[in-house]
Amino acid sequence: LVKVAHELGKAGYIETVRGRGGGIRLAHAPEAINIGEVIRRMEDD
């Protein structure tokens, strides 16, 4: 999950905050995240 979250952050789907009180959250509202786009971005081929 660490690797996947890193890639989701690089792709702009989530925001990551390091350190105490850190964590991850959506970078956009759920209605702005297209499933087809996510799948194209995450699949290697």
ModelCIF file with pLDDT and N, C-alpha, C, O atoms, coordinates in Angstrom:
data_MODEL
#
_entry.id   MODEL 
#
_entity.id                         1 
_entity.type                       polymer 
_entity.pdbx_number_of_molecules   1 
#
_entity_poly.entity_id                      1 
_entity_poly.type                           'polypeptide(L)' 
_entity_poly.nstd_linkage                   no 
_entity_poly.nstd_monomer                   no 
_entity_poly.pdbx_seq_one_letter_code       LVKVAHELGKAGYIETVRGRGGGIRLAHAPEAINIGEVIRRMEDD 
_entity_poly.pdbx_seq_one_letter_code_can   LVKVAHELGKAGYIETVRGRGGGIRLAHAPEAINIGEVIRRMEDD 
_entity_poly.pdbx_strand_id                 A 
#
loop_
_entity_poly_seq.entity_id 
_entity_poly_seq.num 
_entity_poly_seq.mon_id 
_entity_poly_seq.hetero 
1 1  LEU n 
1 2  VAL n 
1 3  LYS n 
1 4  VAL n 
1 5  ALA n 
1 6  HIS n 
1 7  GLU n 
1 8  LEU n 
1 9  GLY n 
1 10 LYS n 
1 11 ALA n 
1 12 GLY n 
1 13 TYR n 
1 14 ILE n 
1 15 GLU n 
1 16 THR n 
1 17 VAL n 
1 18 ARG n 
1 19 GLY n 
1 20 ARG n 
1 21 GLY n 
1 22 GLY n 
1 23 GLY n 
1 24 ILE n 
1 25 ARG n 
1 26 LEU n 
1 27 ALA n 
1 28 HIS n 
1 29 ALA n 
1 30 PRO n 
1 31 GLU n 
1 32 ALA n 
1 33 ILE n 
1 34 ASN n 
1 35 ILE n 
1 36 GLY n 
1 37 GLU n 
1 38 VAL n 
1 39 ILE n 
1 40 ARG n 
1 41 ARG n 
1 42 MET n 
1 43 GLU n 
1 44 ASP n 
1 45 ASP n 
#
_struct_asym.id          A 
_struct_asym.entity_id   1 
#
loop_
_ma_qa_metric.id 
_ma_qa_metric.mode 
_ma_qa_metric.name 
_ma_qa_metric.software_group_id 
_ma_qa_metric.type 
1 global pLDDT . pLDDT 
2 local  pLDDT . pLDDT 
#
_ma_qa_metric_global.metric_id      1 
_ma_qa_metric_global.metric_value   94.49 
_ma_qa_metric_global.model_id       1 
_ma_qa_metric_global.ordinal_id     1 
#
loop_
_ma_qa_metric_local.label_asym_id 
_ma_qa_metric_local.label_comp_id 
_ma_qa_metric_local.label_seq_id 
_ma_qa_metric_local.metric_id 
_ma_qa_metric_local.metric_value 
_ma_qa_metric_local.model_id 
_ma_qa_metric_local.ordinal_id 
A LEU 1  2 96.00 1 1  
A VAL 2  2 95.00 1 2  
A LYS 3  2 95.00 1 3  
A VAL 4  2 97.00 1 4  
A ALA 5  2 97.00 1 5  
A HIS 6  2 96.00 1 6  
A GLU 7  2 96.00 1 7  
A LEU 8  2 98.00 1 8  
A GLY 9  2 97.00 1 9  
A LYS 10 2 96.00 1 10 
A ALA 11 2 97.00 1 11 
A GLY 12 2 97.00 1 12 
A TYR 13 2 98.00 1 13 
A ILE 14 2 98.00 1 14 
A GLU 15 2 96.00 1 15 
A THR 16 2 92.00 1 16 
A VAL 17 2 88.00 1 17 
A ARG 18 2 85.00 1 18 
A GLY 19 2 81.00 1 19 
A ARG 20 2 82.00 1 20 
A GLY 21 2 80.00 1 21 
A GLY 22 2 88.00 1 22 
A GLY 23 2 94.00 1 23 
A ILE 24 2 97.00 1 24 
A ARG 25 2 97.00 1 25 
A LEU 26 2 97.00 1 26 
A ALA 27 2 97.00 1 27 
A HIS 28 2 97.00 1 28 
A ALA 29 2 96.00 1 29 
A PRO 30 2 97.00 1 30 
A GLU 31 2 97.00 1 31 
A ALA 32 2 98.00 1 32 
A ILE 33 2 98.00 1 33 
A ASN 34 2 98.00 1 34 
A ILE 35 2 98.00 1 35 
A GLY 36 2 97.00 1 36 
A GLU 37 2 98.00 1 37 
A VAL 38 2 98.00 1 38 
A ILE 39 2 97.00 1 39 
A ARG 40 2 96.00 1 40 
A ARG 41 2 96.00 1 41 
A MET 42 2 96.00 1 42 
A GLU 43 2 93.00 1 43 
A ASP 44 2 87.00 1 44 
A ASP 45 2 88.00 1 45 
#
loop_
_atom_site.group_PDB 
_atom_site.id 
_atom_site.type_symbol 
_atom_site.label_atom_id 
_atom_site.label_alt_id 
_atom_site.label_comp_id 
_atom_site.label_asym_id 
_atom_site.label_entity_id 
_atom_site.label_seq_id 
_atom_site.pdbx_PDB_ins_code 
_atom_site.Cartn_x 
_atom_site.Cartn_y 
_atom_site.Cartn_z 
_atom_site.occupancy 
_atom_site.B_iso_or_equiv 
_atom_site.pdbx_formal_charge 
_atom_site.auth_seq_id 
_atom_site.auth_comp_id 
_atom_site.auth_asym_id 
_atom_site.auth_atom_id 
_atom_site.pdbx_PDB_model_num 
ATOM 1   N N  . LEU A 1 1  ? 0.810   -1.213 0.000   1.00 96.00 ? 1  LEU A N  1 
ATOM 2   C CA . LEU A 1 1  ? 0.000   0.000  0.000   1.00 96.00 ? 1  LEU A CA 1 
ATOM 3   C C  . LEU A 1 1  ? 0.849   1.271  0.000   1.00 96.00 ? 1  LEU A C  1 
ATOM 4   O O  . LEU A 1 1  ? 0.445   2.284  -0.571  1.00 96.00 ? 1  LEU A O  1 
ATOM 5   N N  . VAL A 1 2  ? 2.003   1.226  0.626   1.00 95.00 ? 2  VAL A N  1 
ATOM 6   C CA . VAL A 1 2  ? 2.891   2.390  0.625   1.00 95.00 ? 2  VAL A CA 1 
ATOM 7   C C  . VAL A 1 2  ? 3.273   2.737  -0.810  1.00 95.00 ? 2  VAL A C  1 
ATOM 8   O O  . VAL A 1 2  ? 3.231   3.905  -1.197  1.00 95.00 ? 2  VAL A O  1 
ATOM 9   N N  . LYS A 1 3  ? 3.640   1.748  -1.590  1.00 95.00 ? 3  LYS A N  1 
ATOM 10  C CA . LYS A 1 3  ? 4.022   1.975  -2.991  1.00 95.00 ? 3  LYS A CA 1 
ATOM 11  C C  . LYS A 1 3  ? 2.848   2.504  -3.801  1.00 95.00 ? 3  LYS A C  1 
ATOM 12  O O  . LYS A 1 3  ? 3.002   3.430  -4.597  1.00 95.00 ? 3  LYS A O  1 
ATOM 13  N N  . VAL A 1 4  ? 1.684   1.917  -3.598  1.00 97.00 ? 4  VAL A N  1 
ATOM 14  C CA . VAL A 1 4  ? 0.495   2.320  -4.341  1.00 97.00 ? 4  VAL A CA 1 
ATOM 15  C C  . VAL A 1 4  ? 0.100   3.751  -3.963  1.00 97.00 ? 4  VAL A C  1 
ATOM 16  O O  . VAL A 1 4  ? -0.221  4.562  -4.831  1.00 97.00 ? 4  VAL A O  1 
ATOM 17  N N  . ALA A 1 5  ? 0.125   4.050  -2.671  1.00 97.00 ? 5  ALA A N  1 
ATOM 18  C CA . ALA A 1 5  ? -0.229  5.399  -2.217  1.00 97.00 ? 5  ALA A CA 1 
ATOM 19  C C  . ALA A 1 5  ? 0.740   6.432  -2.782  1.00 97.00 ? 5  ALA A C  1 
ATOM 20  O O  . ALA A 1 5  ? 0.337   7.534  -3.152  1.00 97.00 ? 5  ALA A O  1 
ATOM 21  N N  . HIS A 1 6  ? 2.006   6.074  -2.845  1.00 96.00 ? 6  HIS A N  1 
ATOM 22  C CA . HIS A 1 6  ? 3.004   6.980  -3.418  1.00 96.00 ? 6  HIS A CA 1 
ATOM 23  C C  . HIS A 1 6  ? 2.642   7.314  -4.867  1.00 96.00 ? 6  HIS A C  1 
ATOM 24  O O  . HIS A 1 6  ? 2.674   8.477  -5.270  1.00 96.00 ? 6  HIS A O  1 
ATOM 25  N N  . GLU A 1 7  ? 2.303   6.300  -5.632  1.00 96.00 ? 7  GLU A N  1 
ATOM 26  C CA . GLU A 1 7  ? 1.938   6.517  -7.035  1.00 96.00 ? 7  GLU A CA 1 
ATOM 27  C C  . GLU A 1 7  ? 0.634   7.312  -7.158  1.00 96.00 ? 7  GLU A C  1 
ATOM 28  O O  . GLU A 1 7  ? 0.518   8.176  -8.028  1.00 96.00 ? 7  GLU A O  1 
ATOM 29  N N  . LEU A 1 8  ? -0.343  7.027  -6.297  1.00 98.00 ? 8  LEU A N  1 
ATOM 30  C CA . LEU A 1 8  ? -1.596  7.804  -6.316  1.00 98.00 ? 8  LEU A CA 1 
ATOM 31  C C  . LEU A 1 8  ? -1.317  9.268  -5.993  1.00 98.00 ? 8  LEU A C  1 
ATOM 32  O O  . LEU A 1 8  ? -1.963  10.160 -6.541  1.00 98.00 ? 8  LEU A O  1 
ATOM 33  N N  . GLY A 1 9  ? -0.368  9.513  -5.114  1.00 97.00 ? 9  GLY A N  1 
ATOM 34  C CA . GLY A 1 9  ? 0.022   10.883 -4.793  1.00 97.00 ? 9  GLY A CA 1 
ATOM 35  C C  . GLY A 1 9  ? 0.693   11.563 -5.971  1.00 97.00 ? 9  GLY A C  1 
ATOM 36  O O  . GLY A 1 9  ? 0.379   12.710 -6.290  1.00 97.00 ? 9  GLY A O  1 
ATOM 37  N N  . LYS A 1 10 ? 1.621   10.858 -6.623  1.00 96.00 ? 10 LYS A N  1 
ATOM 38  C CA . LYS A 1 10 ? 2.295   11.415 -7.808  1.00 96.00 ? 10 LYS A CA 1 
ATOM 39  C C  . LYS A 1 10 ? 1.294   11.724 -8.920  1.00 96.00 ? 10 LYS A C  1 
ATOM 40  O O  . LYS A 1 10 ? 1.463   12.685 -9.670  1.00 96.00 ? 10 LYS A O  1 
ATOM 41  N N  . ALA A 1 11 ? 0.250   10.896 -9.015  1.00 97.00 ? 11 ALA A N  1 
ATOM 42  C CA . ALA A 1 11 ? -0.756  11.082 -10.061 1.00 97.00 ? 11 ALA A CA 1 
ATOM 43  C C  . ALA A 1 11 ? -1.761  12.183 -9.699  1.00 97.00 ? 11 ALA A C  1 
ATOM 44  O O  . ALA A 1 11 ? -2.572  12.588 -10.533 1.00 97.00 ? 11 ALA A O  1 
ATOM 45  N N  . GLY A 1 12 ? -1.701  12.659 -8.463  1.00 97.00 ? 12 GLY A N  1 
ATOM 46  C CA . GLY A 1 12 ? -2.577  13.746 -8.055  1.00 97.00 ? 12 GLY A CA 1 
ATOM 47  C C  . GLY A 1 12 ? -3.940  13.327 -7.535  1.00 97.00 ? 12 GLY A C  1 
ATOM 48  O O  . GLY A 1 12 ? -4.818  14.174 -7.367  1.00 97.00 ? 12 GLY A O  1 
ATOM 49  N N  . TYR A 1 13 ? -4.138  12.037 -7.277  1.00 98.00 ? 13 TYR A N  1 
ATOM 50  C CA . TYR A 1 13 ? -5.419  11.559 -6.758  1.00 98.00 ? 13 TYR A CA 1 
ATOM 51  C C  . TYR A 1 13 ? -5.535  11.721 -5.247  1.00 98.00 ? 13 TYR A C  1 
ATOM 52  O O  . TYR A 1 13 ? -6.628  11.919 -4.714  1.00 98.00 ? 13 TYR A O  1 
ATOM 53  N N  . ILE A 1 14 ? -4.398  11.634 -4.564  1.00 98.00 ? 14 ILE A N  1 
ATOM 54  C CA . ILE A 1 14 ? -4.417  11.791 -3.107  1.00 98.00 ? 14 ILE A CA 1 
ATOM 55  C C  . ILE A 1 14 ? -3.351  12.786 -2.692  1.00 98.00 ? 14 ILE A C  1 
ATOM 56  O O  . ILE A 1 14 ? -2.390  13.040 -3.419  1.00 98.00 ? 14 ILE A O  1 
ATOM 57  N N  . GLU A 1 15 ? -3.545  13.342 -1.506  1.00 96.00 ? 15 GLU A N  1 
ATOM 58  C CA . GLU A 1 15 ? -2.549  14.205 -0.883  1.00 96.00 ? 15 GLU A CA 1 
ATOM 59  C C  . GLU A 1 15 ? -1.908  13.410 0.246   1.00 96.00 ? 15 GLU A C  1 
ATOM 60  O O  . GLU A 1 15 ? -2.588  12.697 0.983   1.00 96.00 ? 15 GLU A O  1 
ATOM 61  N N  . THR A 1 16 ? -0.614  13.540 0.368   1.00 92.00 ? 16 THR A N  1 
ATOM 62  C CA . THR A 1 16 ? 0.099   12.830 1.426   1.00 92.00 ? 16 THR A CA 1 
ATOM 63  C C  . THR A 1 16 ? 0.770   13.852 2.339   1.00 92.00 ? 16 THR A C  1 
ATOM 64  O O  . THR A 1 16 ? 1.354   14.832 1.876   1.00 92.00 ? 16 THR A O  1 
ATOM 65  N N  . VAL A 1 17 ? 0.675   13.607 3.629   1.00 88.00 ? 17 VAL A N  1 
ATOM 66  C CA . VAL A 1 17 ? 1.309   14.462 4.624   1.00 88.00 ? 17 VAL A CA 1 
ATOM 67  C C  . VAL A 1 17 ? 2.165   13.563 5.501   1.00 88.00 ? 17 VAL A C  1 
ATOM 68  O O  . VAL A 1 17 ? 1.667   12.603 6.088   1.00 88.00 ? 17 VAL A O  1 
ATOM 69  N N  . ARG A 1 18 ? 3.447   13.872 5.588   1.00 85.00 ? 18 ARG A N  1 
ATOM 70  C CA . ARG A 1 18 ? 4.373   13.059 6.368   1.00 85.00 ? 18 ARG A CA 1 
ATOM 71  C C  . ARG A 1 18 ? 4.456   13.540 7.804   1.00 85.00 ? 18 ARG A C  1 
ATOM 72  O O  . ARG A 1 18 ? 4.054   14.655 8.135   1.00 85.00 ? 18 ARG A O  1 
ATOM 73  N N  . GLY A 1 19 ? 4.986   12.670 8.642   1.00 81.00 ? 19 GLY A N  1 
ATOM 74  C CA . GLY A 1 19 ? 5.269   13.039 10.022  1.00 81.00 ? 19 GLY A CA 1 
ATOM 75  C C  . GLY A 1 19 ? 4.092   12.866 10.956  1.00 81.00 ? 19 GLY A C  1 
ATOM 76  O O  . GLY A 1 19 ? 3.060   12.302 10.591  1.00 81.00 ? 19 GLY A O  1 
ATOM 77  N N  . ARG A 1 20 ? 4.268   13.363 12.173  1.00 82.00 ? 20 ARG A N  1 
ATOM 78  C CA . ARG A 1 20 ? 3.248   13.256 13.217  1.00 82.00 ? 20 ARG A CA 1 
ATOM 79  C C  . ARG A 1 20 ? 1.964   13.928 12.731  1.00 82.00 ? 20 ARG A C  1 
ATOM 80  O O  . ARG A 1 20 ? 1.986   15.056 12.240  1.00 82.00 ? 20 ARG A O  1 
ATOM 81  N N  . GLY A 1 21 ? 0.870   13.230 12.873  1.00 80.00 ? 21 GLY A N  1 
ATOM 82  C CA . GLY A 1 21 ? -0.408  13.766 12.417  1.00 80.00 ? 21 GLY A CA 1 
ATOM 83  C C  . GLY A 1 21 ? -0.577  13.676 10.913  1.00 80.00 ? 21 GLY A C  1 
ATOM 84  O O  . GLY A 1 21 ? -1.537  14.209 10.357  1.00 80.00 ? 21 GLY A O  1 
ATOM 85  N N  . GLY A 1 22 ? 0.346   13.007 10.260  1.00 88.00 ? 22 GLY A N  1 
ATOM 86  C CA . GLY A 1 22 ? 0.288   12.882 8.808   1.00 88.00 ? 22 GLY A CA 1 
ATOM 87  C C  . GLY A 1 22 ? -0.700  11.825 8.368   1.00 88.00 ? 22 GLY A C  1 
ATOM 88  O O  . GLY A 1 22 ? -1.431  11.260 9.181   1.00 88.00 ? 22 GLY A O  1 
ATOM 89  N N  . GLY A 1 23 ? -0.715  11.571 7.106   1.00 94.00 ? 23 GLY A N  1 
ATOM 90  C CA . GLY A 1 23 ? -1.611  10.572 6.539   1.00 94.00 ? 23 GLY A CA 1 
ATOM 91  C C  . GLY A 1 23 ? -1.933  10.925 5.104   1.00 94.00 ? 23 GLY A C  1 
ATOM 92  O O  . GLY A 1 23 ? -1.249  11.731 4.472   1.00 94.00 ? 23 GLY A O  1 
ATOM 93  N N  . ILE A 1 24 ? -2.976  10.313 4.608   1.00 97.00 ? 24 ILE A N  1 
ATOM 94  C CA . ILE A 1 24 ? -3.384  10.557 3.224   1.00 97.00 ? 24 ILE A CA 1 
ATOM 95  C C  . ILE A 1 24 ? -4.870  10.884 3.182   1.00 97.00 ? 24 ILE A C  1 
ATOM 96  O O  . ILE A 1 24 ? -5.639  10.485 4.057   1.00 97.00 ? 24 ILE A O  1 
ATOM 97  N N  . ARG A 1 25 ? -5.253  11.616 2.147   1.00 97.00 ? 25 ARG A N  1 
ATOM 98  C CA . ARG A 1 25 ? -6.654  11.946 1.906   1.00 97.00 ? 25 ARG A CA 1 
ATOM 99  C C  . ARG A 1 25 ? -6.825  12.218 0.418   1.00 97.00 ? 25 ARG A C  1 
ATOM 100 O O  . ARG A 1 25 ? -5.852  12.429 -0.306  1.00 97.00 ? 25 ARG A O  1 
ATOM 101 N N  . LEU A 1 26 ? -8.065  12.209 -0.021  1.00 97.00 ? 26 LEU A N  1 
ATOM 102 C CA . LEU A 1 26 ? -8.340  12.499 -1.419  1.00 97.00 ? 26 LEU A CA 1 
ATOM 103 C C  . LEU A 1 26 ? -7.899  13.922 -1.755  1.00 97.00 ? 26 LEU A C  1 
ATOM 104 O O  . LEU A 1 26 ? -8.081  14.843 -0.959  1.00 97.00 ? 26 LEU A O  1 
ATOM 105 N N  . ALA A 1 27 ? -7.329  14.088 -2.920  1.00 97.00 ? 27 ALA A N  1 
ATOM 106 C CA . ALA A 1 27 ? -6.920  15.414 -3.375  1.00 97.00 ? 27 ALA A CA 1 
ATOM 107 C C  . ALA A 1 27 ? -8.069  16.138 -4.066  1.00 97.00 ? 27 ALA A C  1 
ATOM 108 O O  . ALA A 1 27 ? -8.033  17.358 -4.228  1.00 97.00 ? 27 ALA A O  1 
ATOM 109 N N  . HIS A 1 28 ? -9.082  15.389 -4.471  1.00 97.00 ? 28 HIS A N  1 
ATOM 110 C CA . HIS A 1 28 ? -10.233 15.955 -5.186  1.00 97.00 ? 28 HIS A CA 1 
ATOM 111 C C  . HIS A 1 28 ? -11.509 15.337 -4.630  1.00 97.00 ? 28 HIS A C  1 
ATOM 112 O O  . HIS A 1 28 ? -11.473 14.297 -3.973  1.00 97.00 ? 28 HIS A O  1 
ATOM 113 N N  . ALA A 1 29 ? -12.609 15.973 -4.897  1.00 96.00 ? 29 ALA A N  1 
ATOM 114 C CA . ALA A 1 29 ? -13.904 15.415 -4.526  1.00 96.00 ? 29 ALA A CA 1 
ATOM 115 C C  . ALA A 1 29 ? -14.100 14.100 -5.278  1.00 96.00 ? 29 ALA A C  1 
ATOM 116 O O  . ALA A 1 29 ? -13.628 13.969 -6.407  1.00 96.00 ? 29 ALA A O  1 
ATOM 117 N N  . PRO A 1 30 ? -14.784 13.125 -4.680  1.00 97.00 ? 30 PRO A N  1 
ATOM 118 C CA . PRO A 1 30 ? -14.986 11.834 -5.338  1.00 97.00 ? 30 PRO A CA 1 
ATOM 119 C C  . PRO A 1 30 ? -15.619 11.932 -6.728  1.00 97.00 ? 30 PRO A C  1 
ATOM 120 O O  . PRO A 1 30 ? -15.322 11.113 -7.598  1.00 97.00 ? 30 PRO A O  1 
ATOM 121 N N  . GLU A 1 31 ? -16.475 12.910 -6.942  1.00 97.00 ? 31 GLU A N  1 
ATOM 122 C CA . GLU A 1 31 ? -17.112 13.039 -8.260  1.00 97.00 ? 31 GLU A CA 1 
ATOM 123 C C  . GLU A 1 31 ? -16.142 13.536 -9.333  1.00 97.00 ? 31 GLU A C  1 
ATOM 124 O O  . GLU A 1 31 ? -16.465 13.508 -10.520 1.00 97.00 ? 31 GLU A O  1 
ATOM 125 N N  . ALA A 1 32 ? -14.963 13.989 -8.924  1.00 98.00 ? 32 ALA A N  1 
ATOM 126 C CA . ALA A 1 32 ? -13.963 14.468 -9.876  1.00 98.00 ? 32 ALA A CA 1 
ATOM 127 C C  . ALA A 1 32 ? -12.919 13.406 -10.213 1.00 98.00 ? 32 ALA A C  1 
ATOM 128 O O  . ALA A 1 32 ? -12.019 13.664 -11.013 1.00 98.00 ? 32 ALA A O  1 
ATOM 129 N N  . ILE A 1 33 ? -13.022 12.224 -9.621  1.00 98.00 ? 33 ILE A N  1 
ATOM 130 C CA . ILE A 1 33 ? -12.043 11.154 -9.865  1.00 98.00 ? 33 ILE A CA 1 
ATOM 131 C C  . ILE A 1 33 ? -12.683 10.116 -10.767 1.00 98.00 ? 33 ILE A C  1 
ATOM 132 O O  . ILE A 1 33 ? -13.561 9.364  -10.343 1.00 98.00 ? 33 ILE A O  1 
ATOM 133 N N  . ASN A 1 34 ? -12.236 10.080 -12.018 1.00 98.00 ? 34 ASN A N  1 
ATOM 134 C CA . ASN A 1 34 ? -12.794 9.171  -13.021 1.00 98.00 ? 34 ASN A CA 1 
ATOM 135 C C  . ASN A 1 34 ? -12.130 7.800  -12.927 1.00 98.00 ? 34 ASN A C  1 
ATOM 136 O O  . ASN A 1 34 ? -10.904 7.696  -12.927 1.00 98.00 ? 34 ASN A O  1 
ATOM 137 N N  . ILE A 1 35 ? -12.938 6.760  -12.847 1.00 98.00 ? 35 ILE A N  1 
ATOM 138 C CA . ILE A 1 35 ? -12.430 5.393  -12.662 1.00 98.00 ? 35 ILE A CA 1 
ATOM 139 C C  . ILE A 1 35 ? -11.633 4.913  -13.871 1.00 98.00 ? 35 ILE A C  1 
ATOM 140 O O  . ILE A 1 35 ? -10.582 4.293  -13.711 1.00 98.00 ? 35 ILE A O  1 
ATOM 141 N N  . GLY A 1 36 ? -12.115 5.189  -15.063 1.00 97.00 ? 36 GLY A N  1 
ATOM 142 C CA . GLY A 1 36 ? -11.375 4.793  -16.262 1.00 97.00 ? 36 GLY A CA 1 
ATOM 143 C C  . GLY A 1 36 ? -9.992  5.422  -16.301 1.00 97.00 ? 36 GLY A C  1 
ATOM 144 O O  . GLY A 1 36 ? -9.014  4.768  -16.666 1.00 97.00 ? 36 GLY A O  1 
ATOM 145 N N  . GLU A 1 37 ? -9.913  6.676  -15.929 1.00 98.00 ? 37 GLU A N  1 
ATOM 146 C CA . GLU A 1 37 ? -8.631  7.388  -15.899 1.00 98.00 ? 37 GLU A CA 1 
ATOM 147 C C  . GLU A 1 37 ? -7.690  6.769  -14.865 1.00 98.00 ? 37 GLU A C  1 
ATOM 148 O O  . GLU A 1 37 ? -6.503  6.581  -15.131 1.00 98.00 ? 37 GLU A O  1 
ATOM 149 N N  . VAL A 1 38 ? -8.224  6.456  -13.692 1.00 98.00 ? 38 VAL A N  1 
ATOM 150 C CA . VAL A 1 38 ? -7.401  5.838  -12.644 1.00 98.00 ? 38 VAL A CA 1 
ATOM 151 C C  . VAL A 1 38 ? -6.836  4.505  -13.141 1.00 98.00 ? 38 VAL A C  1 
ATOM 152 O O  . VAL A 1 38 ? -5.651  4.221  -12.971 1.00 98.00 ? 38 VAL A O  1 
ATOM 153 N N  . ILE A 1 39 ? -7.681  3.709  -13.744 1.00 97.00 ? 39 ILE A N  1 
ATOM 154 C CA . ILE A 1 39 ? -7.243  2.393  -14.212 1.00 97.00 ? 39 ILE A CA 1 
ATOM 155 C C  . ILE A 1 39 ? -6.193  2.522  -15.306 1.00 97.00 ? 39 ILE A C  1 
ATOM 156 O O  . ILE A 1 39 ? -5.204  1.790  -15.298 1.00 97.00 ? 39 ILE A O  1 
ATOM 157 N N  . ARG A 1 40 ? -6.390  3.434  -16.243 1.00 96.00 ? 40 ARG A N  1 
ATOM 158 C CA . ARG A 1 40 ? -5.379  3.640  -17.284 1.00 96.00 ? 40 ARG A CA 1 
ATOM 159 C C  . ARG A 1 40 ? -4.044  4.069  -16.677 1.00 96.00 ? 40 ARG A C  1 
ATOM 160 O O  . ARG A 1 40 ? -2.984  3.644  -17.135 1.00 96.00 ? 40 ARG A O  1 
ATOM 161 N N  . ARG A 1 41 ? -4.100  4.901  -15.660 1.00 96.00 ? 41 ARG A N  1 
ATOM 162 C CA . ARG A 1 41 ? -2.884  5.424  -15.035 1.00 96.00 ? 41 ARG A CA 1 
ATOM 163 C C  . ARG A 1 41 ? -2.153  4.343  -14.229 1.00 96.00 ? 41 ARG A C  1 
ATOM 164 O O  . ARG A 1 41 ? -0.923  4.314  -14.209 1.00 96.00 ? 41 ARG A O  1 
ATOM 165 N N  . MET A 1 42 ? -2.899  3.465  -13.570 1.00 96.00 ? 42 MET A N  1 
ATOM 166 C CA . MET A 1 42 ? -2.286  2.495  -12.667 1.00 96.00 ? 42 MET A CA 1 
ATOM 167 C C  . MET A 1 42 ? -1.864  1.194  -13.353 1.00 96.00 ? 42 MET A C  1 
ATOM 168 O O  . MET A 1 42 ? -0.949  0.521  -12.879 1.00 96.00 ? 42 MET A O  1 
ATOM 169 N N  . GLU A 1 43 ? -2.502  0.838  -14.436 1.00 93.00 ? 43 GLU A N  1 
ATOM 170 C CA . GLU A 1 43 ? -2.116  -0.383 -15.144 1.00 93.00 ? 43 GLU A CA 1 
ATOM 171 C C  . GLU A 1 43 ? -0.833  -0.129 -15.926 1.00 93.00 ? 43 GLU A C  1 
ATOM 172 O O  . GLU A 1 43 ? -0.665  0.937  -16.519 1.00 93.00 ? 43 GLU A O  1 
ATOM 173 N N  . ASP A 1 44 ? 0.064   -1.097 -15.929 1.00 87.00 ? 44 ASP A N  1 
ATOM 174 C CA . ASP A 1 44 ? 1.313   -0.903 -16.652 1.00 87.00 ? 44 ASP A CA 1 
ATOM 175 C C  . ASP A 1 44 ? 1.172   -1.149 -18.144 1.00 87.00 ? 44 ASP A C  1 
ATOM 176 O O  . ASP A 1 44 ? 1.942   -0.598 -18.931 1.00 87.00 ? 44 ASP A O  1 
ATOM 177 N N  . ASP A 1 45 ? 0.216   -1.955 -18.546 1.00 88.00 ? 45 ASP A N  1 
ATOM 178 C CA . ASP A 1 45 ? -0.063  -2.133 -19.973 1.00 88.00 ? 45 ASP A CA 1 
ATOM 179 C C  . ASP A 1 45 ? -1.428  -2.793 -20.149 1.00 88.00 ? 45 ASP A C  1 
ATOM 180 O O  . ASP A 1 45 ? -1.856  -3.034 -21.278 1.00 88.00 ? 45 ASP A O  1 
#
